[in-house]
């Protein structure tokens, strides 16, 4: 089983969607997600987007990447530009670090349709990266 840690700043949106996508779509992979400054909640639109696309959200929670310091991972993936530039805790062993710059749909303001479109865009970007880069 390959272990994947998906990192973001708030761990409320993109990293949560990536975690669920990996766990649902990639046999032989187990993903968790965390943030450098966890928001303390999972954005409801993240859950709605996953369900709308037929992906089980599991039981996501917004947690600190410190919770995983010292664990071994095969992949450590950042999905926001801010987290990619921060100093991460030490993760033991050899792992591949990937950065998948994904716009934050939670920052989009506008109509319900525009916000939903932003979440769908982030979802599809993450799904494509997962399908193409995690072999």
C-alpha atoms as a PDB file:
ATOM      1  CA  UNK A   1       0.000   0.000   0.000  1.00  0.00           C
ATOM      2  CA  UNK A   2       1.445   3.365  -1.031  1.00  0.00           C
ATOM      3  CA  UNK A   3       0.861   6.121   1.515  1.00  0.00           C
ATOM      4  CA  UNK A   4       0.076   9.665   0.358  1.00  0.00           C
ATOM      5  CA  UNK A   5      -0.056  12.874   2.376  1.00  0.00           C
ATOM      6  CA  UNK A   6      -1.869  15.770   0.687  1.00  0.00           C
ATOM      7  CA  UNK A   7      -1.008  19.191   2.118  1.00  0.00           C
ATOM      8  CA  UNK A   8      -2.648  22.576   1.896  1.00  0.00           C
ATOM      9  CA  UNK A   9      -2.743  25.586   4.164  1.00  0.00           C
ATOM     10  CA  UNK A  10      -6.243  25.257   5.659  1.00  0.00           C
ATOM     11  CA  UNK A  11      -6.977  21.580   4.928  1.00  0.00           C
ATOM     12  CA  UNK A  12     -10.618  22.414   4.331  1.00  0.00           C
ATOM     13  CA  UNK A  13     -11.070  22.163   0.583  1.00  0.00           C
ATOM     14  CA  UNK A  14      -8.555  21.083  -2.085  1.00  0.00           C
ATOM     15  CA  UNK A  15      -6.528  18.697   0.058  1.00  0.00           C
ATOM     16  CA  UNK A  16      -9.732  17.098   1.358  1.00  0.00           C
ATOM     17  CA  UNK A  17     -10.995  16.551  -2.193  1.00  0.00           C
ATOM     18  CA  UNK A  18      -7.623  15.121  -3.290  1.00  0.00           C
ATOM     19  CA  UNK A  19      -7.577  12.752  -0.302  1.00  0.00           C
ATOM     20  CA  UNK A  20     -11.054  11.416  -1.161  1.00  0.00           C
ATOM     21  CA  UNK A  21     -10.215  11.115  -4.864  1.00  0.00           C
ATOM     22  CA  UNK A  22      -7.043   9.138  -4.231  1.00  0.00           C
ATOM     23  CA  UNK A  23      -8.758   6.815  -1.771  1.00  0.00           C
ATOM     24  CA  UNK A  24     -11.649   6.206  -4.161  1.00  0.00           C
ATOM     25  CA  UNK A  25      -9.849   6.019  -7.520  1.00  0.00           C
ATOM     26  CA  UNK A  26      -6.419   4.536  -6.851  1.00  0.00           C
ATOM     27  CA  UNK A  27      -6.182   0.905  -5.790  1.00  0.00           C
ATOM     28  CA  UNK A  28      -3.139   0.291  -3.651  1.00  0.00           C
ATOM     29  CA  UNK A  29      -3.038   3.874  -2.333  1.00  0.00           C
ATOM     30  CA  UNK A  30      -4.049   5.251   1.035  1.00  0.00           C
ATOM     31  CA  UNK A  31      -4.286   9.036   1.356  1.00  0.00           C
ATOM     32  CA  UNK A  32      -4.638  11.427   4.261  1.00  0.00           C
ATOM     33  CA  UNK A  33      -4.622  15.210   4.228  1.00  0.00           C
ATOM     34  CA  UNK A  34      -3.490  17.978   6.539  1.00  0.00           C
ATOM     35  CA  UNK A  35      -2.715  21.676   6.642  1.00  0.00           C
ATOM     36  CA  UNK A  36      -0.038  24.033   7.890  1.00  0.00           C
ATOM     37  CA  UNK A  37      -2.726  26.231   9.497  1.00  0.00           C
ATOM     38  CA  UNK A  38      -5.851  24.037   9.610  1.00  0.00           C
ATOM     39  CA  UNK A  39      -9.146  25.872   9.315  1.00  0.00           C
ATOM     40  CA  UNK A  40     -10.775  23.550  11.828  1.00  0.00           C
ATOM     41  CA  UNK A  41     -13.641  22.670   9.474  1.00  0.00           C
ATOM     42  CA  UNK A  42     -14.187  21.062   6.088  1.00  0.00           C
ATOM     43  CA  UNK A  43     -15.780  23.394   3.542  1.00  0.00           C
ATOM     44  CA  UNK A  44     -19.319  22.111   2.826  1.00  0.00           C
ATOM     45  CA  UNK A  45     -18.885  22.750  -0.917  1.00  0.00           C
ATOM     46  CA  UNK A  46     -15.955  20.298  -0.938  1.00  0.00           C
ATOM     47  CA  UNK A  47     -18.224  17.550   0.355  1.00  0.00           C
ATOM     48  CA  UNK A  48     -21.058  18.556  -2.011  1.00  0.00           C
ATOM     49  CA  UNK A  49     -18.671  18.506  -4.983  1.00  0.00           C
ATOM     50  CA  UNK A  50     -17.326  15.057  -4.154  1.00  0.00           C
ATOM     51  CA  UNK A  51     -20.819  13.623  -3.729  1.00  0.00           C
ATOM     52  CA  UNK A  52     -22.074  15.303  -6.917  1.00  0.00           C
ATOM     53  CA  UNK A  53     -19.270  13.545  -8.826  1.00  0.00           C
ATOM     54  CA  UNK A  54     -19.942  10.168  -7.206  1.00  0.00           C
ATOM     55  CA  UNK A  55     -16.919  10.179  -4.876  1.00  0.00           C
ATOM     56  CA  UNK A  56     -17.346   9.172  -1.247  1.00  0.00           C
ATOM     57  CA  UNK A  57     -15.955  11.933   0.974  1.00  0.00           C
ATOM     58  CA  UNK A  58     -15.215   9.496   3.791  1.00  0.00           C
ATOM     59  CA  UNK A  59     -14.944  11.190   7.190  1.00  0.00           C
ATOM     60  CA  UNK A  60     -12.776  14.237   6.443  1.00  0.00           C
ATOM     61  CA  UNK A  61     -11.520  16.580   9.118  1.00  0.00           C
ATOM     62  CA  UNK A  62      -9.265  19.618   9.049  1.00  0.00           C
ATOM     63  CA  UNK A  63      -6.066  18.756  10.885  1.00  0.00           C
ATOM     64  CA  UNK A  64      -2.478  19.871  11.277  1.00  0.00           C
ATOM     65  CA  UNK A  65       0.371  18.407   9.286  1.00  0.00           C
ATOM     66  CA  UNK A  66       2.163  18.106  12.629  1.00  0.00           C
ATOM     67  CA  UNK A  67      -0.185  15.174  13.304  1.00  0.00           C
ATOM     68  CA  UNK A  68       1.739  13.230  10.653  1.00  0.00           C
ATOM     69  CA  UNK A  69       5.290  14.335  11.483  1.00  0.00           C
ATOM     70  CA  UNK A  70       7.517  11.307  11.785  1.00  0.00           C
ATOM     71  CA  UNK A  71       5.324   9.045   9.643  1.00  0.00           C
ATOM     72  CA  UNK A  72       6.551   7.485   6.424  1.00  0.00           C
ATOM     73  CA  UNK A  73       4.927   8.403   3.122  1.00  0.00           C
ATOM     74  CA  UNK A  74       5.561   7.435  -0.480  1.00  0.00           C
ATOM     75  CA  UNK A  75       4.206  10.769  -1.744  1.00  0.00           C
ATOM     76  CA  UNK A  76       3.836  14.194  -0.157  1.00  0.00           C
ATOM     77  CA  UNK A  77       1.693  16.384  -2.391  1.00  0.00           C
ATOM     78  CA  UNK A  78       1.020  20.094  -1.957  1.00  0.00           C
ATOM     79  CA  UNK A  79      -2.062  21.473  -3.686  1.00  0.00           C
ATOM     80  CA  UNK A  80      -1.736  25.173  -2.871  1.00  0.00           C
ATOM     81  CA  UNK A  81       1.116  27.493  -3.636  1.00  0.00           C
ATOM     82  CA  UNK A  82       1.371  28.804  -0.059  1.00  0.00           C
ATOM     83  CA  UNK A  83       1.883  25.335   1.448  1.00  0.00           C
ATOM     84  CA  UNK A  84       4.450  24.396  -1.194  1.00  0.00           C
ATOM     85  CA  UNK A  85       6.734  27.199   0.032  1.00  0.00           C
ATOM     86  CA  UNK A  86       6.408  26.470   3.748  1.00  0.00           C
ATOM     87  CA  UNK A  87       8.787  24.373   5.767  1.00  0.00           C
ATOM     88  CA  UNK A  88       7.127  21.007   6.261  1.00  0.00           C
ATOM     89  CA  UNK A  89       7.639  18.770   9.264  1.00  0.00           C
ATOM     90  CA  UNK A  90      10.123  15.957   8.797  1.00  0.00           C
ATOM     91  CA  UNK A  91       8.675  12.869   7.170  1.00  0.00           C
ATOM     92  CA  UNK A  92      10.895   9.793   7.475  1.00  0.00           C
ATOM     93  CA  UNK A  93      12.146   7.693   4.628  1.00  0.00           C
ATOM     94  CA  UNK A  94      12.293   8.504   0.983  1.00  0.00           C
ATOM     95  CA  UNK A  95       9.234  10.012  -0.610  1.00  0.00           C
ATOM     96  CA  UNK A  96       8.385  11.774  -3.813  1.00  0.00           C
ATOM     97  CA  UNK A  97       7.302  15.385  -3.353  1.00  0.00           C
ATOM     98  CA  UNK A  98       4.813  16.720  -5.880  1.00  0.00           C
ATOM     99  CA  UNK A  99       3.243  20.160  -6.221  1.00  0.00           C
ATOM    100  CA  UNK A 100      -0.132  20.462  -7.930  1.00  0.00           C
ATOM    101  CA  UNK A 101      -0.970  24.168  -8.011  1.00  0.00           C
ATOM    102  CA  UNK A 102      -4.756  24.306  -7.743  1.00  0.00           C
ATOM    103  CA  UNK A 103      -6.751  27.550  -7.439  1.00  0.00           C
ATOM    104  CA  UNK A 104      -8.683  27.822  -4.179  1.00  0.00           C
ATOM    105  CA  UNK A 105     -12.406  27.576  -4.992  1.00  0.00           C
ATOM    106  CA  UNK A 106     -13.293  28.735  -1.473  1.00  0.00           C
ATOM    107  CA  UNK A 107     -11.955  32.202  -2.357  1.00  0.00           C
ATOM    108  CA  UNK A 108     -14.271  32.617  -5.344  1.00  0.00           C
ATOM    109  CA  UNK A 109     -17.043  35.145  -4.855  1.00  0.00           C
ATOM    110  CA  UNK A 110     -20.075  35.306  -7.059  1.00  0.00           C
ATOM    111  CA  UNK A 111     -23.274  33.481  -7.785  1.00  0.00           C
ATOM    112  CA  UNK A 112     -23.963  29.957  -6.595  1.00  0.00           C
ATOM    113  CA  UNK A 113     -23.337  28.805 -10.164  1.00  0.00           C
ATOM    114  CA  UNK A 114     -19.920  30.517 -10.298  1.00  0.00           C
ATOM    115  CA  UNK A 115     -18.886  29.091  -6.938  1.00  0.00           C
ATOM    116  CA  UNK A 116     -20.009  25.584  -7.915  1.00  0.00           C
ATOM    117  CA  UNK A 117     -18.076  25.930 -11.195  1.00  0.00           C
ATOM    118  CA  UNK A 118     -14.911  26.866  -9.261  1.00  0.00           C
ATOM    119  CA  UNK A 119     -15.243  23.774  -7.053  1.00  0.00           C
ATOM    120  CA  UNK A 120     -15.852  21.598 -10.116  1.00  0.00           C
ATOM    121  CA  UNK A 121     -12.760  23.056 -11.793  1.00  0.00           C
ATOM    122  CA  UNK A 122     -10.573  22.293  -8.757  1.00  0.00           C
ATOM    123  CA  UNK A 123     -12.067  18.795  -8.511  1.00  0.00           C
ATOM    124  CA  UNK A 124     -11.368  18.037 -12.180  1.00  0.00           C
ATOM    125  CA  UNK A 125      -7.827  19.441 -11.999  1.00  0.00           C
ATOM    126  CA  UNK A 126      -7.051  17.216  -9.014  1.00  0.00           C
ATOM    127  CA  UNK A 127      -8.707  14.162 -10.570  1.00  0.00           C
ATOM    128  CA  UNK A 128      -6.655  14.579 -13.753  1.00  0.00           C
ATOM    129  CA  UNK A 129      -3.380  14.919 -11.825  1.00  0.00           C
ATOM    130  CA  UNK A 130      -4.180  11.857  -9.707  1.00  0.00           C
ATOM    131  CA  UNK A 131      -5.018   9.742 -12.754  1.00  0.00           C
ATOM    132  CA  UNK A 132      -1.924  10.877 -14.656  1.00  0.00           C
ATOM    133  CA  UNK A 133       0.759  11.118 -11.981  1.00  0.00           C
ATOM    134  CA  UNK A 134       0.023   8.402  -9.422  1.00  0.00           C
ATOM    135  CA  UNK A 135       0.921   5.176 -11.169  1.00  0.00           C
END
